[in-house]
Amino acid sequence: MPFCSAVLIVVPVIDPFYSRAAKHFDDLLNRYGSPIYLLNLIKCRESQPRESKLLVEYGHCVSYLNQFLPEKDRMRYIAWDMSQAWKRYASRVNLRGLTDEQRE
């Protein structure tokens, strides 16, 4: 049987009010104060949408929860496709030509 690394991701809409996420972020606010920075490293572009489904849903969750927070306390959401960034970086830099000191 061939190995397939691509897993089908399904996001069921069970909790339209994101109560579990709200509880989690409330705990973070109580522990660390505001603002909370959320760095989402999920892929943005895929030929077959898998991870990107989570990206969209997570963005909706943060937008929904932020509407109940004062402007100064709102979560700062940053979606950054690390895979794309690495592809762009790697295509411009030849790491083999660097010395060990330059790599650090």
Protein backbone atom coordinates (compact mmCIF):
# COMPACT_ATOMS: atom_id res chain seq x y z
CA MET A 1 0.00 0.00 0.00
CA PRO A 2 1.57 3.35 -1.02
CA PHE A 3 2.17 5.97 1.65
CA CYS A 4 0.25 9.21 1.23
CA SER A 5 1.34 12.14 3.38
CA ALA A 6 -1.58 14.37 2.34
CA VAL A 7 -4.30 14.15 4.95
CA LEU A 8 -7.81 15.35 4.24
CA ILE A 9 -8.67 18.15 6.67
CA VAL A 10 -12.33 18.76 7.43
CA VAL A 11 -13.41 21.69 9.60
CA PRO A 12 -16.89 21.02 10.98
CA VAL A 13 -18.83 24.01 12.23
CA ILE A 14 -19.79 22.72 15.66
CA ASP A 15 -19.23 25.84 17.74
CA PRO A 16 -20.21 28.99 15.78
CA PHE A 17 -19.31 31.16 18.80
CA TYR A 18 -15.78 29.74 19.17
CA SER A 19 -16.31 29.21 22.91
CA ARG A 20 -13.31 26.88 23.34
CA ALA A 21 -11.01 29.30 21.54
CA ALA A 22 -12.48 32.18 23.57
CA LYS A 23 -11.69 30.33 26.79
CA HIS A 24 -8.14 29.63 25.60
CA PHE A 25 -7.45 33.24 24.58
CA ASP A 26 -9.06 34.54 27.77
CA ASP A 27 -6.63 32.38 29.73
CA LEU A 28 -3.72 33.82 27.71
CA LEU A 29 -4.96 37.37 28.33
CA ASN A 30 -5.18 36.71 32.06
CA ARG A 31 -1.70 35.18 32.15
CA TYR A 32 0.23 37.49 29.85
CA GLY A 33 -1.87 40.60 29.36
CA SER A 34 -2.61 42.29 26.09
CA PRO A 35 -2.04 42.46 23.26
CA ILE A 36 -1.60 38.83 22.28
CA TYR A 37 0.26 38.26 19.03
CA LEU A 38 -0.90 35.26 17.02
CA LEU A 39 1.55 34.04 14.39
CA ASN A 40 -0.14 31.60 12.04
CA LEU A 41 2.40 29.55 10.04
CA ILE A 42 -0.14 27.57 8.00
CA LYS A 43 0.36 27.41 4.24
CA CYS A 44 -1.65 30.03 2.34
CA ARG A 45 -1.31 28.60 -1.16
CA GLU A 46 -1.87 24.98 -2.01
CA SER A 47 -2.88 23.26 -5.23
CA GLN A 48 -5.33 21.16 -3.20
CA PRO A 49 -6.64 23.16 -0.21
CA ARG A 50 -5.79 21.28 2.98
CA GLU A 51 -4.00 23.42 5.54
CA SER A 52 -5.39 26.60 4.01
CA LYS A 53 -8.87 25.56 5.19
CA LEU A 54 -7.58 25.92 8.75
CA LEU A 55 -5.98 29.26 7.90
CA VAL A 56 -9.34 30.70 6.82
CA GLU A 57 -11.25 29.29 9.79
CA TYR A 58 -8.63 30.48 12.29
CA GLY A 59 -8.82 33.97 10.78
CA HIS A 60 -12.60 33.95 11.16
CA CYS A 61 -12.25 32.85 14.77
CA VAL A 62 -9.84 35.66 15.64
CA SER A 63 -11.98 38.26 13.83
CA TYR A 64 -15.09 37.08 15.65
CA LEU A 65 -13.45 37.13 19.08
CA ASN A 66 -11.73 40.49 18.50
CA GLN A 67 -15.07 42.24 18.02
CA PHE A 68 -15.77 41.75 21.73
CA LEU A 69 -12.45 43.22 22.90
CA PRO A 70 -11.55 46.89 23.28
CA GLU A 71 -9.28 48.17 20.50
CA LYS A 72 -6.19 48.24 22.73
CA ASP A 73 -6.70 44.63 23.86
CA ARG A 74 -7.41 43.04 20.49
CA MET A 75 -5.35 40.08 19.38
CA ARG A 76 -2.81 40.85 16.68
CA TYR A 77 -3.19 38.18 14.02
CA ILE A 78 -0.37 37.59 11.54
CA ALA A 79 -0.72 34.93 8.85
CA TRP A 80 2.73 34.14 7.48
CA ASP A 81 3.27 31.33 5.00
CA MET A 82 6.64 30.04 6.13
CA SER A 83 6.81 27.56 3.26
CA GLN A 84 6.43 30.32 0.64
CA ALA A 85 8.86 32.59 2.45
CA TRP A 86 11.46 29.84 2.57
CA LYS A 87 11.02 29.11 -1.15
CA ARG A 88 11.56 32.79 -1.97
CA TYR A 89 14.55 33.02 0.39
CA ALA A 90 16.18 29.79 -0.81
CA SER A 91 15.83 30.80 -4.43
CA ARG A 92 17.83 34.01 -3.77
CA VAL A 93 20.54 32.67 -1.50
CA ASN A 94 23.07 29.96 -2.19
CA LEU A 95 23.77 28.58 1.29
CA ARG A 96 26.59 26.28 0.11
CA GLY A 97 28.88 29.24 -0.52
CA LEU A 98 28.62 30.59 3.03
CA THR A 99 31.20 29.93 5.72
CA ASP A 100 30.13 28.54 9.10
CA GLU A 101 30.44 32.00 10.70
CA GLN A 102 28.15 33.55 8.10
CA ARG A 103 25.48 30.88 8.63
CA GLU A 104 25.12 31.72 12.33
